[in-house]
Protein backbone atom coordinates (compact mmCIF):
# COMPACT_ATOMS: atom_id res chain seq x y z
CA UNK A 1 -28.10 95.68 77.56
CA UNK A 2 -26.09 95.54 74.36
CA UNK A 3 -22.86 95.10 76.31
CA UNK A 4 -24.40 92.30 78.32
CA UNK A 5 -25.55 90.49 75.21
CA UNK A 6 -22.16 90.95 73.59
CA UNK A 7 -20.51 89.60 76.71
CA UNK A 8 -22.83 86.64 76.69
CA UNK A 9 -21.97 85.90 73.09
CA UNK A 10 -18.27 86.14 73.87
CA UNK A 11 -18.67 83.66 76.67
CA UNK A 12 -20.31 81.20 74.39
CA UNK A 13 -17.29 81.22 72.01
CA UNK A 14 -14.86 78.33 72.45
CA UNK A 15 -11.54 79.38 73.87
CA UNK A 16 -8.33 78.43 72.02
CA UNK A 17 -6.12 75.91 73.65
CA UNK A 18 -2.58 76.66 74.68
CA UNK A 19 0.34 74.48 73.58
CA UNK A 20 -0.33 72.27 76.50
CA UNK A 21 -3.92 71.77 75.53
CA UNK A 22 -5.60 74.34 77.86
CA UNK A 23 -7.72 77.16 76.48
CA UNK A 24 -6.18 80.61 76.63
CA UNK A 25 -8.65 83.22 77.96
CA UNK A 26 -9.40 86.03 75.54
CA UNK A 27 -7.55 84.36 72.59
CA UNK A 28 -9.36 84.05 69.25
CA UNK A 29 -10.58 80.59 68.35
CA UNK A 30 -8.17 78.40 66.43
CA UNK A 31 -9.29 77.34 62.95
CA UNK A 32 -10.02 73.68 62.54
CA UNK A 33 -7.52 71.72 60.37
CA UNK A 34 -8.97 70.91 56.92
CA UNK A 35 -9.92 67.31 56.35
CA UNK A 36 -7.33 65.34 54.38
CA UNK A 37 -8.49 64.50 50.82
CA UNK A 38 -8.52 60.90 49.74
CA UNK A 39 -6.41 60.26 46.64
CA UNK A 40 -8.53 59.49 43.57
CA UNK A 41 -7.69 56.27 41.76
CA UNK A 42 -7.02 56.69 38.00
CA UNK A 43 -6.57 53.02 37.21
CA UNK A 44 -9.51 52.94 34.79
CA UNK A 45 -8.31 56.00 32.86
CA UNK A 46 -4.73 54.71 32.73
CA UNK A 47 -5.87 51.27 31.59
CA UNK A 48 -7.91 52.79 28.74
CA UNK A 49 -4.96 54.96 27.68
CA UNK A 50 -2.59 51.97 27.68
CA UNK A 51 -5.00 49.87 25.62
CA UNK A 52 -5.57 52.72 23.15
CA UNK A 53 -1.81 53.29 22.79
CA UNK A 54 -1.29 49.56 22.22
CA UNK A 55 -3.89 49.42 19.45
CA UNK A 56 -2.50 52.53 17.75
CA UNK A 57 1.01 51.03 17.84
CA UNK A 58 -0.26 47.62 16.70
CA UNK A 59 -2.15 49.08 13.74
CA UNK A 60 0.73 51.38 12.83
CA UNK A 61 3.36 48.64 12.84
CA UNK A 62 1.05 46.26 11.02
CA UNK A 63 0.79 48.79 8.19
CA UNK A 64 4.49 49.69 8.41
CA UNK A 65 6.67 47.12 10.26
CA UNK A 66 9.73 48.56 11.94
CA UNK A 67 13.16 47.38 10.73
CA UNK A 68 15.63 45.92 13.20
CA UNK A 69 18.97 47.74 12.80
CA UNK A 70 21.77 45.79 11.10
CA UNK A 71 19.36 43.01 10.07
CA UNK A 72 16.78 42.36 7.35
CA UNK A 73 14.17 41.56 10.00
CA UNK A 74 11.06 43.73 10.38
CA UNK A 75 8.86 43.52 13.46
CA UNK A 76 5.44 44.75 14.50
CA UNK A 77 3.36 44.76 17.66
CA UNK A 78 0.94 41.78 17.59
CA UNK A 79 -2.56 42.80 16.55
CA UNK A 80 -5.49 40.68 17.84
CA UNK A 81 -6.59 38.61 14.87
CA UNK A 82 -3.53 39.71 12.91
CA UNK A 83 -3.32 41.58 9.62
CA UNK A 84 -6.02 39.41 7.95
CA UNK A 85 -8.65 40.61 10.43
CA UNK A 86 -7.46 44.22 10.21
CA UNK A 87 -7.59 44.28 6.40
CA UNK A 88 -10.44 41.84 5.73
CA UNK A 89 -8.29 39.20 4.02
CA UNK A 90 -8.25 35.39 4.43
CA UNK A 91 -6.51 34.12 7.55
CA UNK A 92 -4.71 31.48 5.46
CA UNK A 93 -2.41 31.38 2.44
CA UNK A 94 -4.23 33.08 -0.45
CA UNK A 95 -3.53 33.85 -4.10
CA UNK A 96 -3.97 37.01 -6.16
CA UNK A 97 -4.02 36.93 -9.97
CA UNK A 98 -2.15 39.89 -11.47
CA UNK A 99 -2.95 40.74 -15.10
CA UNK A 100 -0.93 43.32 -17.00
CA UNK A 101 -2.52 44.79 -20.14
CA UNK A 102 -0.49 46.09 -23.08
CA UNK A 103 -2.97 48.77 -24.12
CA UNK A 104 -2.19 51.43 -26.70
CA UNK A 105 -3.57 54.98 -26.17
CA UNK A 106 -5.93 54.66 -29.14
CA UNK A 107 -7.26 51.22 -28.17
CA UNK A 108 -10.70 50.63 -26.73
CA UNK A 109 -12.38 47.42 -25.68
CA UNK A 110 -10.43 44.26 -24.86
CA UNK A 111 -6.65 44.60 -24.70
CA UNK A 112 -3.83 42.15 -25.04
CA UNK A 113 -2.83 40.38 -21.83
CA UNK A 114 0.90 40.88 -21.66
CA UNK A 115 1.52 39.68 -18.10
CA UNK A 116 -0.10 36.81 -16.21
CA UNK A 117 1.25 36.47 -12.68
CA UNK A 118 0.11 34.67 -9.54
CA UNK A 119 1.04 36.16 -6.17
CA UNK A 120 0.84 33.71 -3.26
CA UNK A 121 0.91 35.14 0.28
CA UNK A 122 1.15 33.24 3.56
CA UNK A 123 0.22 35.86 6.21
CA UNK A 124 1.11 33.75 9.25
CA UNK A 125 4.53 32.58 8.01
CA UNK A 126 5.35 35.94 6.36
CA UNK A 127 6.20 34.26 3.07
CA UNK A 128 5.27 35.13 -0.52
CA UNK A 129 5.94 33.83 -4.01
CA UNK A 130 5.50 35.00 -7.61
CA UNK A 131 4.56 32.46 -10.26
CA UNK A 132 4.66 33.81 -13.82
CA UNK A 133 2.73 32.12 -16.61
CA UNK A 134 3.90 32.61 -20.21
CA UNK A 135 1.17 34.52 -22.06
CA UNK A 136 1.47 32.11 -25.02
CA UNK A 137 1.06 28.96 -22.91
CA UNK A 138 -1.49 26.59 -24.48
CA UNK A 139 -4.43 25.88 -22.18
CA UNK A 140 -8.10 24.94 -22.13
CA UNK A 141 -9.97 28.27 -22.30
CA UNK A 142 -13.53 28.51 -20.90
CA UNK A 143 -16.35 29.89 -23.03
CA UNK A 144 -19.51 31.68 -21.93
CA UNK A 145 -21.58 28.52 -22.53
CA UNK A 146 -19.40 26.49 -20.15
CA UNK A 147 -17.43 24.65 -22.82
CA UNK A 148 -13.64 24.75 -23.29
CA UNK A 149 -11.41 25.21 -26.32
CA UNK A 150 -7.63 25.14 -26.73
CA UNK A 151 -5.82 28.44 -27.10
CA UNK A 152 -3.19 30.65 -25.49
CA UNK A 153 -3.91 31.75 -21.93
CA UNK A 154 -3.91 35.43 -22.87
CA UNK A 155 -7.00 34.86 -25.04
CA UNK A 156 -9.11 34.04 -21.96
CA UNK A 157 -9.25 37.74 -21.12
CA UNK A 158 -10.03 38.87 -24.68
CA UNK A 159 -12.68 36.22 -25.45
CA UNK A 160 -14.58 36.88 -22.23
CA UNK A 161 -14.28 40.67 -22.16
CA UNK A 162 -17.50 42.55 -21.42
CA UNK A 163 -18.02 46.30 -21.33
CA UNK A 164 -20.95 45.72 -18.96
CA UNK A 165 -19.12 43.41 -16.53
CA UNK A 166 -15.56 44.41 -15.66
CA UNK A 167 -15.05 41.16 -13.76
CA UNK A 168 -16.00 38.81 -16.61
CA UNK A 169 -12.58 38.72 -18.30
CA UNK A 170 -10.39 38.38 -15.17
CA UNK A 171 -12.71 35.76 -13.67
CA UNK A 172 -12.48 33.75 -16.91
CA UNK A 173 -8.69 33.90 -16.60
CA UNK A 174 -9.00 32.71 -12.99
CA UNK A 175 -11.15 29.76 -14.12
CA UNK A 176 -8.62 28.98 -16.84
CA UNK A 177 -5.80 28.77 -14.32
CA UNK A 178 -7.81 26.67 -11.87
CA UNK A 179 -8.97 24.29 -14.62
CA UNK A 180 -5.50 23.80 -16.12
CA UNK A 181 -3.15 24.21 -13.16
CA UNK A 182 -5.32 23.42 -10.16
CA UNK A 183 -4.58 26.79 -8.53
CA UNK A 184 -7.58 28.74 -7.26
CA UNK A 185 -7.08 32.51 -7.18
CA UNK A 186 -8.94 34.37 -4.43
CA UNK A 187 -8.70 37.85 -5.95
CA UNK A 188 -7.54 39.59 -9.11
CA UNK A 189 -5.70 42.80 -9.94
CA UNK A 190 -5.57 44.33 -13.43
CA UNK A 191 -3.17 47.10 -14.37
CA UNK A 192 -2.39 48.99 -17.56
CA UNK A 193 1.35 48.75 -18.13
CA UNK A 194 1.61 52.26 -19.56
CA UNK A 195 -0.10 53.77 -16.52
CA UNK A 196 1.97 51.63 -14.19
CA UNK A 197 4.78 54.15 -14.57
CA UNK A 198 2.79 56.62 -12.43
CA UNK A 199 2.41 54.00 -9.71
CA UNK A 200 6.14 53.23 -9.76
CA UNK A 201 6.98 56.95 -9.68
CA UNK A 202 4.68 57.33 -6.67
CA UNK A 203 6.80 54.67 -4.94
CA UNK A 204 9.94 56.65 -5.69
CA UNK A 205 11.07 54.41 -8.55
CA UNK A 206 12.84 51.05 -8.21
CA UNK A 207 16.41 49.86 -7.85
CA UNK A 208 17.20 46.67 -9.77
CA UNK A 209 20.30 44.57 -10.34
CA UNK A 210 20.41 43.97 -14.09
CA UNK A 211 22.27 40.75 -15.00
CA UNK A 212 22.67 41.50 -18.73
CA UNK A 213 23.19 44.69 -20.71
CA UNK A 214 20.50 45.35 -23.32
CA UNK A 215 18.33 48.10 -24.76
CA UNK A 216 16.27 49.31 -27.70
CA UNK A 217 16.98 52.46 -29.70
CA UNK A 218 13.50 52.73 -31.22
CA UNK A 219 11.52 51.93 -28.05
CA UNK A 220 8.06 53.52 -27.84
CA UNK A 221 5.25 52.89 -25.39
CA UNK A 222 2.60 54.44 -27.63
CA UNK A 223 3.86 53.67 -31.17
CA UNK A 224 4.33 57.43 -31.70
CA UNK A 225 7.01 58.86 -29.44
CA UNK A 226 10.39 57.12 -29.56
CA UNK A 227 12.44 57.19 -26.34
CA UNK A 228 15.66 55.11 -26.66
CA UNK A 229 16.28 52.82 -23.70
CA UNK A 230 19.56 51.35 -22.51
CA UNK A 231 20.11 49.24 -19.42
CA UNK A 232 23.75 48.58 -18.46
CA UNK A 233 24.96 45.67 -16.38
CA UNK A 234 24.62 46.00 -12.61
CA UNK A 235 22.58 47.97 -10.10
CA UNK A 236 20.65 51.00 -11.29
CA UNK A 237 17.69 53.12 -10.22
CA UNK A 238 14.79 53.36 -12.67
CA UNK A 239 11.91 55.80 -12.78
CA UNK A 240 8.42 54.67 -13.77
CA UNK A 241 8.88 55.01 -17.54
CA UNK A 242 12.22 53.19 -17.47
CA UNK A 243 10.91 50.41 -15.21
CA UNK A 244 7.96 49.72 -17.53
CA UNK A 245 10.29 49.73 -20.55
CA UNK A 246 12.63 47.36 -18.70
CA UNK A 247 9.80 44.84 -18.39
CA UNK A 248 8.31 45.36 -21.88
CA UNK A 249 11.24 45.36 -24.33
CA UNK A 250 11.12 42.36 -26.63
CA UNK A 251 13.98 43.20 -28.97
CA UNK A 252 16.90 40.80 -28.59
CA UNK A 253 15.18 38.77 -25.87
CA UNK A 254 12.53 36.13 -25.29
CA UNK A 255 9.27 36.19 -23.36
CA UNK A 256 11.04 34.25 -20.63
CA UNK A 257 13.61 37.06 -20.30
CA UNK A 258 10.75 39.54 -20.02
CA UNK A 259 9.11 37.44 -17.29
CA UNK A 260 12.31 37.51 -15.24
CA UNK A 261 12.64 41.26 -15.73
CA UNK A 262 9.04 41.87 -14.69
CA UNK A 263 9.56 39.78 -11.56
CA UNK A 264 12.71 41.76 -10.83
CA UNK A 265 10.76 45.03 -10.98
CA UNK A 266 7.99 43.57 -8.80
CA UNK A 267 10.46 42.42 -6.16
CA UNK A 268 12.14 45.83 -6.21
CA UNK A 269 8.78 47.53 -5.63
CA UNK A 270 8.18 45.36 -2.58
CA UNK A 271 11.63 46.18 -1.19
CA UNK A 272 10.92 49.88 -1.73
CA UNK A 273 7.63 49.60 0.14
CA UNK A 274 9.48 48.18 3.15
CA UNK A 275 11.07 51.56 3.90
CA UNK A 276 9.41 53.51 6.75
CA UNK A 277 9.61 56.56 4.46
CA UNK A 278 7.09 54.92 2.13
CA UNK A 279 4.34 55.93 4.55
CA UNK A 280 4.94 59.54 3.43
CA UNK A 281 4.14 58.57 -0.16
CA UNK A 282 0.67 57.21 0.63
CA UNK A 283 -1.38 60.19 -0.70
CA UNK A 284 0.37 60.12 -4.09
CA UNK A 285 0.37 56.32 -4.13
CA UNK A 286 -3.38 56.23 -3.45
CA UNK A 287 -4.08 58.62 -6.34
CA UNK A 288 -1.91 56.60 -8.74
CA UNK A 289 -3.47 53.34 -7.58
CA UNK A 290 -6.98 54.60 -8.34
CA UNK A 291 -5.95 55.56 -11.89
CA UNK A 292 -3.90 52.45 -12.64
CA UNK A 293 -5.45 49.47 -10.86
CA UNK A 294 -8.74 47.62 -11.28
CA UNK A 295 -9.49 44.89 -8.74
CA UNK A 296 -12.18 42.96 -6.95
CA UNK A 297 -10.44 43.88 -3.71
CA UNK A 298 -11.39 46.94 -1.72
CA UNK A 299 -8.84 49.67 -1.02
CA UNK A 300 -8.56 48.29 2.51
CA UNK A 301 -7.76 44.80 1.21
CA UNK A 302 -5.29 46.12 -1.35
CA UNK A 303 -3.49 48.02 1.41
CA UNK A 304 -3.46 44.78 3.39
CA UNK A 305 -1.72 42.91 0.58
CA UNK A 306 0.96 45.60 0.42
CA UNK A 307 1.31 45.55 4.20
CA UNK A 308 1.76 41.77 4.24
CA UNK A 309 4.37 41.95 1.50
CA UNK A 310 6.30 44.47 3.59
CA UNK A 311 6.71 41.81 6.26
CA UNK A 312 8.26 39.31 3.84
CA UNK A 313 12.05 39.24 3.96
CA UNK A 314 14.11 38.87 0.79
CA UNK A 315 14.91 35.26 1.65
CA UNK A 316 11.20 34.43 1.97
CA UNK A 317 10.16 36.02 -1.32
CA UNK A 318 10.33 33.37 -4.06
CA UNK A 319 10.03 33.88 -7.81
CA UNK A 320 9.12 31.04 -10.16
CA UNK A 321 8.09 30.82 -13.81
CA UNK A 322 6.27 28.17 -15.81
CA UNK A 323 8.55 29.27 -18.63
CA UNK A 324 10.95 26.69 -17.16
CA UNK A 325 8.39 24.02 -18.04
CA UNK A 326 7.58 25.33 -21.53
CA UNK A 327 8.73 24.21 -24.97
CA UNK A 328 7.89 25.82 -28.31
CA UNK A 329 5.25 24.15 -30.47
CA UNK A 330 7.05 23.59 -33.77
CA UNK A 331 3.93 22.40 -35.61
CA UNK A 332 1.73 25.31 -34.49
CA UNK A 333 1.02 28.17 -36.89
CA UNK A 334 1.25 30.77 -34.10
CA UNK A 335 3.75 31.34 -31.31
CA UNK A 336 2.52 28.83 -28.75
CA UNK A 337 4.25 27.35 -25.71
CA UNK A 338 3.49 23.80 -24.58
CA UNK A 339 3.81 23.02 -20.87
CA UNK A 340 5.38 19.81 -19.58
CA UNK A 341 2.87 18.51 -16.95
CA UNK A 342 5.55 16.92 -14.74
CA UNK A 343 7.68 20.07 -14.67
CA UNK A 344 4.60 22.25 -14.09
CA UNK A 345 3.64 20.14 -11.08
CA UNK A 346 7.16 20.39 -9.64
CA UNK A 347 7.33 24.17 -10.07
CA UNK A 348 3.89 24.73 -8.53
CA UNK A 349 4.86 22.47 -5.63
CA UNK A 350 7.83 24.69 -4.90
């Protein structure tokens, strides 16, 4: 009975076919060929990866444009909305007021305004310009009650200083400039010149081309420690202490000379920031920035200003000074500079 059932089961099995297609008696059944898999489409994954790579490259080159070999041109991958959208800055030409304080280590409260500088940036045209204002320029200075009185521009910061409102003094200086020169500043940056040396050191120092040999044997940045300074003619690399001294020394020079030197250091800092290696200095630069700079801009916006300046070529970075429109007031009891309105208008127009 068992053999019969086994035989019946064998008969029910399908017989394998021979090469000609006929089944071969007694041969084991041939396995069926596996079904061919359909290829999966990865277009969605690949598209997402391409878009992500594009945005990473766009953001990276916006922060640090890539130099074109053998040229002064720097390029970046277009970012939707551009650098202004990425950094939260105006998508138009805008102006930043830069105020440098000459503060001694023992001083508290309001400090002397040693540097008054306007930085104009055109993000779409990749152009920028410095406009320096002599600290002793006579202007109409705003008071807390809304009235104005004549005095040097550097008094606007001192007269409106408030320990409770860090923005009161710089905003008064911004109003002074708008009222007298018709230039509206969008943001302000304040830095202590003594601490600026740390910021310059974090950038790796600066290389300047000095047009005139000068120095000061009894130079001191704190009225205590004397560190003689000497700057020969020609190109030279300066560390932070030397760069600050280069812009501060008054002996044997005028305020207009100092303005030109300060602009020279500022331009050199921008050129140094253009190097792709500057991205490696960001941690140290961030720490120095926090200790040195006070601003109404966020860290993101401040980084955006630096990024935009990196995209400005040497030929598109202009430096101007209202010192070219100033004459000394011979009847004034203090050192005061009077500005020629026609010359001021021409310089601002440039």
